[in-house]
Protein backbone atom coordinates (compact mmCIF):
# COMPACT_ATOMS: atom_id res chain seq x y z
CA MET A 1 103.20 86.55 101.22
CA ALA A 2 102.62 90.06 102.14
CA LEU A 3 105.08 91.84 104.28
CA ARG A 4 103.09 93.18 107.67
CA PHE A 5 103.36 95.30 110.22
CA SER A 6 103.28 93.95 114.04
CA SER A 7 100.96 94.33 116.36
CA GLU A 8 104.56 95.29 118.46
CA THR A 9 105.70 97.93 116.21
CA GLU A 10 101.94 99.62 116.46
CA GLN A 11 101.88 98.79 120.13
CA GLU A 12 105.40 100.93 120.07
CA LEU A 13 103.63 103.95 118.30
CA LEU A 14 100.91 103.47 121.29
CA ALA A 15 103.21 103.87 123.98
CA ARG A 16 105.36 106.89 122.42
CA ALA A 17 101.82 108.47 122.00
CA VAL A 18 100.55 107.70 125.64
CA ASP A 19 104.08 108.81 127.18
CA SER A 20 103.47 112.64 125.31
CA LEU A 21 99.86 112.95 126.25
CA PRO A 22 101.13 114.45 130.15
CA ARG A 23 103.94 116.87 128.37
CA VAL A 24 101.74 118.19 126.43
CA THR A 25 98.41 118.27 128.55
CA LYS A 26 100.07 119.03 131.62
CA PHE A 27 97.51 116.25 132.48
CA PRO A 28 99.44 113.89 134.72
CA VAL A 29 97.91 110.90 133.76
CA ALA A 30 97.43 108.81 130.41
CA PHE A 31 96.50 105.77 129.04
CA GLY A 32 95.52 104.60 126.03
CA GLY A 33 94.80 100.96 124.07
CA LEU A 34 93.84 100.03 120.47
CA THR A 35 91.06 97.67 119.23
CA THR A 36 91.43 94.14 118.93
CA ASP A 37 88.19 91.57 118.54
CA GLY A 38 86.18 94.65 118.75
CA LEU A 39 87.48 95.29 122.51
CA LEU A 40 89.66 97.96 123.74
CA PRO A 41 92.34 96.11 126.12
CA VAL A 42 94.72 99.22 127.77
CA THR A 43 98.09 98.30 126.91
CA ALA A 44 99.64 101.77 127.32
CA THR A 45 100.38 104.14 130.79
CA ALA A 46 102.16 107.11 131.49
CA GLY A 47 102.29 109.02 135.25
CA THR A 48 100.29 106.07 136.95
CA ARG A 49 100.88 105.46 140.51
CA THR A 50 99.43 102.39 141.29
CA ARG A 51 98.36 99.51 139.26
CA SER A 52 94.95 99.83 138.79
CA LEU A 53 94.75 100.18 135.05
CA ALA A 54 96.76 97.17 134.66
CA GLY A 55 94.77 94.65 132.32
CA LEU A 56 91.44 96.68 131.79
CA VAL A 57 89.87 95.71 128.78
CA VAL A 58 86.76 98.58 128.02
CA GLN A 59 83.77 97.09 125.90
CA PRO A 60 81.80 99.46 123.73
CA GLU A 61 79.55 101.65 124.97
CA ARG A 62 80.71 100.79 128.62
CA GLY A 63 82.53 103.48 130.75
CA LEU A 64 83.81 106.79 128.86
CA GLY A 65 85.98 105.19 126.58
CA GLY A 66 83.40 102.70 125.61
CA ARG A 67 81.19 105.78 124.64
CA SER A 68 84.35 107.67 123.06
CA LEU A 69 84.46 104.54 120.92
CA VAL A 70 81.12 104.41 119.80
CA GLU A 71 80.17 108.04 119.39
CA LYS A 72 83.64 108.55 117.71
CA ARG A 73 84.46 111.70 119.62
CA ALA A 74 85.96 112.75 123.04
CA ARG A 75 84.10 112.67 125.96
CA LEU A 76 84.65 114.48 129.33
CA ALA A 77 84.03 113.58 133.09
CA ILE A 78 84.91 116.55 135.22
CA ASP A 79 84.16 113.98 138.13
CA TYR A 80 84.05 110.76 137.33
CA ARG A 81 82.98 109.19 139.96
CA THR A 82 79.47 110.78 139.97
CA ALA A 83 79.61 111.38 136.31
CA ARG A 84 76.28 110.66 134.52
CA GLY A 85 75.21 109.76 130.79
CA ILE A 86 78.33 106.40 131.10
CA THR A 87 78.26 103.13 133.40
CA HIS A 88 80.81 102.57 136.11
CA ASP A 89 82.33 99.45 134.80
CA TYR A 90 85.55 100.59 135.32
CA ASP A 91 85.29 102.56 138.72
CA ARG A 92 87.63 99.89 140.48
CA ALA A 93 90.42 100.51 137.59
CA VAL A 94 89.81 104.68 137.26
CA LEU A 95 89.08 105.51 141.05
CA GLY A 96 91.87 102.74 142.24
CA GLU A 97 94.35 104.88 140.21
CA GLY A 98 92.32 107.94 141.61
CA ILE A 99 91.31 109.96 139.06
CA SER A 100 89.09 112.79 139.22
CA THR A 101 88.68 114.35 135.82
CA LEU A 102 88.65 111.79 132.94
CA PHE A 103 88.83 113.21 128.95
CA ALA A 104 89.03 110.34 126.36
CA VAL A 105 89.78 111.02 122.65
CA PRO A 106 89.00 108.11 119.87
CA VAL A 107 91.35 107.51 117.48
CA MET A 108 90.10 107.86 114.27
CA VAL A 109 91.89 105.63 111.31
CA ASP A 110 89.37 106.53 107.64
CA GLY A 111 86.24 107.22 109.94
CA GLN A 112 86.40 104.52 112.29
CA ALA A 113 87.61 104.63 115.69
CA GLN A 114 90.74 102.36 116.22
CA GLY A 115 91.71 103.57 119.82
CA VAL A 116 91.12 105.55 122.48
CA LEU A 117 93.66 107.89 124.50
CA TYR A 118 92.55 108.80 128.08
CA CYS A 119 93.83 112.26 129.75
CA GLY A 120 93.48 112.16 133.73
CA SER A 121 94.06 113.80 136.99
CA TRP A 122 94.34 113.24 140.52
CA ALA A 123 92.22 116.50 140.84
CA GLU A 124 88.95 118.22 139.46
CA SER A 125 90.55 119.93 136.42
CA ALA A 126 88.80 121.96 133.61
CA VAL A 127 89.88 121.04 129.56
CA GLY A 128 89.99 124.06 128.23
CA ASP A 129 90.92 124.32 124.30
CA VAL A 130 94.74 124.30 124.75
CA VAL A 131 94.16 120.88 126.62
CA ALA A 132 92.02 119.52 124.12
CA ARG A 133 93.87 120.53 121.01
CA ALA A 134 97.01 118.94 122.20
CA ALA A 135 95.36 115.68 123.41
CA PHE A 136 93.48 116.13 119.43
CA SER A 137 96.74 116.47 118.07
CA VAL A 138 98.42 113.55 119.40
CA ALA A 139 95.75 110.97 118.58
CA GLU A 140 95.66 112.16 114.98
CA SER A 141 99.39 111.81 114.45
CA LEU A 142 98.71 108.09 116.41
CA ALA A 143 96.11 108.11 113.67
CA THR A 144 98.37 109.16 110.63
CA GLU A 145 100.51 106.36 111.46
CA LEU A 146 98.14 103.81 111.77
CA ARG A 147 96.59 104.83 108.23
CA VAL A 148 100.25 104.36 106.72
CA ARG A 149 101.00 100.98 107.82
CA SER A 150 97.11 100.55 106.93
CA GLU A 151 98.03 101.47 103.40
CA ILE A 152 101.30 99.47 103.04
CA GLU A 153 99.36 96.42 103.80
CA ARG A 154 96.21 96.66 101.81
CA ARG A 155 99.11 97.10 98.70
CA LEU A 156 101.31 94.74 99.77
CA SER A 157 98.31 92.22 100.05
CA SER A 158 97.82 92.20 96.43
CA PHE A 159 101.44 91.10 95.57
CA ALA A 160 102.49 87.63 95.90
CA ALA A 161 105.89 86.56 95.43
CA PRO A 162 105.95 85.45 91.62
CA ALA A 163 109.36 85.24 89.35
CA PRO A 164 109.57 88.77 87.42
CA THR A 165 108.39 87.27 84.44
CA ASP A 166 105.20 85.82 85.83
CA ILE A 167 104.09 89.73 86.35
CA GLY A 168 101.46 90.50 83.79
CA SER A 169 101.52 94.32 82.33
CA ALA A 170 98.35 95.35 84.44
CA ALA A 171 100.03 94.14 87.67
CA ARG A 172 103.51 95.54 87.18
CA GLU A 173 101.98 98.75 86.43
CA GLU A 174 99.90 98.78 90.02
CA LEU A 175 103.45 97.73 91.43
CA ARG A 176 104.83 100.79 89.98
CA GLU A 177 102.24 102.75 91.16
CA SER A 178 102.61 101.33 94.79
CA TYR A 179 106.11 102.08 94.52
CA ALA A 180 105.22 105.31 93.92
CA GLU A 181 102.77 105.61 96.81
CA ILE A 182 105.05 104.32 99.18
CA ARG A 183 108.15 106.55 98.68
CA SER A 184 105.40 109.28 98.38
CA ILE A 185 104.54 108.35 102.12
CA ALA A 186 108.24 107.99 103.70
CA ALA A 187 108.85 111.42 102.21
CA ALA A 188 105.68 112.94 104.78
CA ILE A 189 107.22 111.10 107.65
CA SER A 190 109.54 111.81 109.96
CA ASP A 191 110.11 108.00 112.32
CA GLU A 192 112.94 106.76 111.15
CA SER A 193 111.84 103.19 112.08
CA VAL A 194 108.97 103.47 109.80
CA LYS A 195 111.41 105.11 107.30
CA ARG A 196 113.52 101.71 107.27
CA ARG A 197 110.36 99.65 106.99
CA LEU A 198 109.52 101.37 103.93
CA GLN A 199 112.85 101.47 102.46
CA THR A 200 112.89 97.40 102.64
CA ILE A 201 109.33 96.75 100.95
CA GLU A 202 110.85 99.52 98.18
CA ARG A 203 113.38 97.29 97.76
CA ARG A 204 111.10 94.62 97.49
CA LEU A 205 108.71 95.89 94.78
CA ALA A 206 111.19 97.16 92.86
CA ALA A 207 113.03 92.92 93.15
CA LEU A 208 109.75 91.82 91.91
CA SER A 209 109.35 94.00 88.30
CA GLY A 210 113.02 93.79 87.94
CA ASP A 211 114.78 92.55 84.61
CA ARG A 212 116.97 89.61 85.18
CA SER A 213 118.61 89.95 82.04
CA ALA A 214 119.26 93.86 82.43
CA ALA A 215 123.00 94.91 82.73
CA THR A 216 124.38 96.15 85.82
CA LEU A 217 124.69 99.79 85.31
CA ASP A 218 126.74 101.95 88.38
CA ILE A 219 124.61 105.04 88.73
CA ARG A 220 123.62 106.71 92.23
CA LEU A 221 120.48 108.60 91.98
CA SER A 222 119.61 110.76 95.66
CA PRO A 223 116.81 109.44 97.72
CA ARG A 224 114.64 112.69 96.47
CA GLU A 225 115.81 111.98 92.91
CA VAL A 226 114.55 108.92 93.03
CA ASP A 227 110.82 109.86 94.80
CA VAL A 228 110.88 112.29 91.33
CA LEU A 229 111.47 109.78 89.19
CA ALA A 230 109.02 107.00 90.55
CA SER A 231 106.30 109.14 90.34
CA VAL A 232 107.31 110.52 86.66
CA ALA A 233 107.04 106.46 85.78
CA VAL A 234 103.36 106.60 86.45
CA GLY A 235 102.79 109.57 84.24
CA ALA A 236 102.57 112.22 86.84
CA THR A 237 103.40 115.84 85.44
CA ASN A 238 105.71 118.21 87.66
CA ALA A 239 102.97 120.17 89.46
CA GLU A 240 101.39 116.75 90.26
CA VAL A 241 105.18 115.37 91.67
CA ALA A 242 105.30 118.62 93.41
CA ALA A 243 102.41 118.32 95.38
CA SER A 244 102.49 114.72 96.41
CA LEU A 245 106.00 115.11 97.87
CA GLY A 246 105.54 118.66 99.33
CA LEU A 247 108.01 119.98 96.97
CA ARG A 248 107.52 123.35 94.86
CA GLU A 249 107.23 122.73 91.27
CA GLY A 250 110.74 123.77 90.35
CA THR A 251 112.93 122.47 92.64
CA VAL A 252 110.89 119.40 91.47
CA LYS A 253 112.30 120.24 87.77
CA SER A 254 115.97 120.34 89.45
CA TYR A 255 115.53 117.21 90.81
CA LEU A 256 114.55 115.68 87.50
CA GLN A 257 117.28 116.99 85.60
CA SER A 258 119.99 116.03 87.84
CA ALA A 259 118.59 112.83 87.68
CA MET A 260 118.36 112.84 83.77
CA SER A 261 122.12 113.88 84.25
CA LYS A 262 123.41 111.24 86.30
CA LEU A 263 121.63 108.76 83.71
CA ASP A 264 122.69 110.92 80.74
CA VAL A 265 119.45 111.04 79.17
CA SER A 266 117.87 113.91 77.50
CA THR A 267 113.98 113.36 78.46
CA ARG A 268 112.45 111.82 81.42
CA HIS A 269 110.65 108.81 79.37
CA ALA A 270 114.84 107.68 78.60
CA ALA A 271 115.35 108.33 82.50
CA VAL A 272 112.50 106.62 84.09
CA THR A 273 113.47 103.86 81.15
CA LYS A 274 117.38 103.90 82.20
CA ALA A 275 116.68 103.68 85.78
CA ARG A 276 114.95 100.84 85.42
CA ARG A 277 117.38 98.81 83.64
CA ALA A 278 119.86 99.80 86.53
CA GLY A 279 117.25 98.29 88.87
CA ILE A 280 116.47 101.32 90.57
CA LEU A 281 113.14 101.84 89.60
CA PRO A 282 110.45 98.84 89.25
């Protein structure tokens, strides 16, 4: 069965994004939600003075956020109470919090709006480029985290849990490509909780294609050496490895040479083969 990231973890990411909005935009109030069954429940708030927004569920095309959701672009209401061009289904919640200016930014993942982040103030406030860029940056960061999870789930969904001997050559190559891709994703993110989850998945993928009859070899490679070897194992050149891992080509060569030395081999092909025998690579 595929290993899935829980909605709870996604909600924690959303909460961190919402918490950061007042700090980076200087708007005192922030809230947001992720789409569920076509609706947008508001599940995270920051800086609120009342509970008016609690339990709010936004429908597509309704209110400022609903318009942002379907139009896939940011929407602004300088004076929310008198704003035209939006429905006022949620006035009780928004005005109940005392919000005057409201700015809604969609969270775009692979061309689809998967959530909305809101910035609000209790007085009419202009939204300049600095504020807009800060809000967009938070939304883009959240979208990146959600995209990582989606990609991991997509790749893992193709794997059941067969015994290593049941994996065909085509599936084994797909598994190895997935392993290399996960290593490159992990190298590009800073969230330690996500990194730990990815490491668990990496170990699982390595175990799925491992050779139970192989001898146990006491070899210790650094994480970066494994990253490089994982990409080399699926046929990537040094230049391609450098691009995927955000390294210089010379640095890739150094990691590869270090790994070859630890594995006591003289070629990159032999390094991959021995790393697989040692259970370091799938």
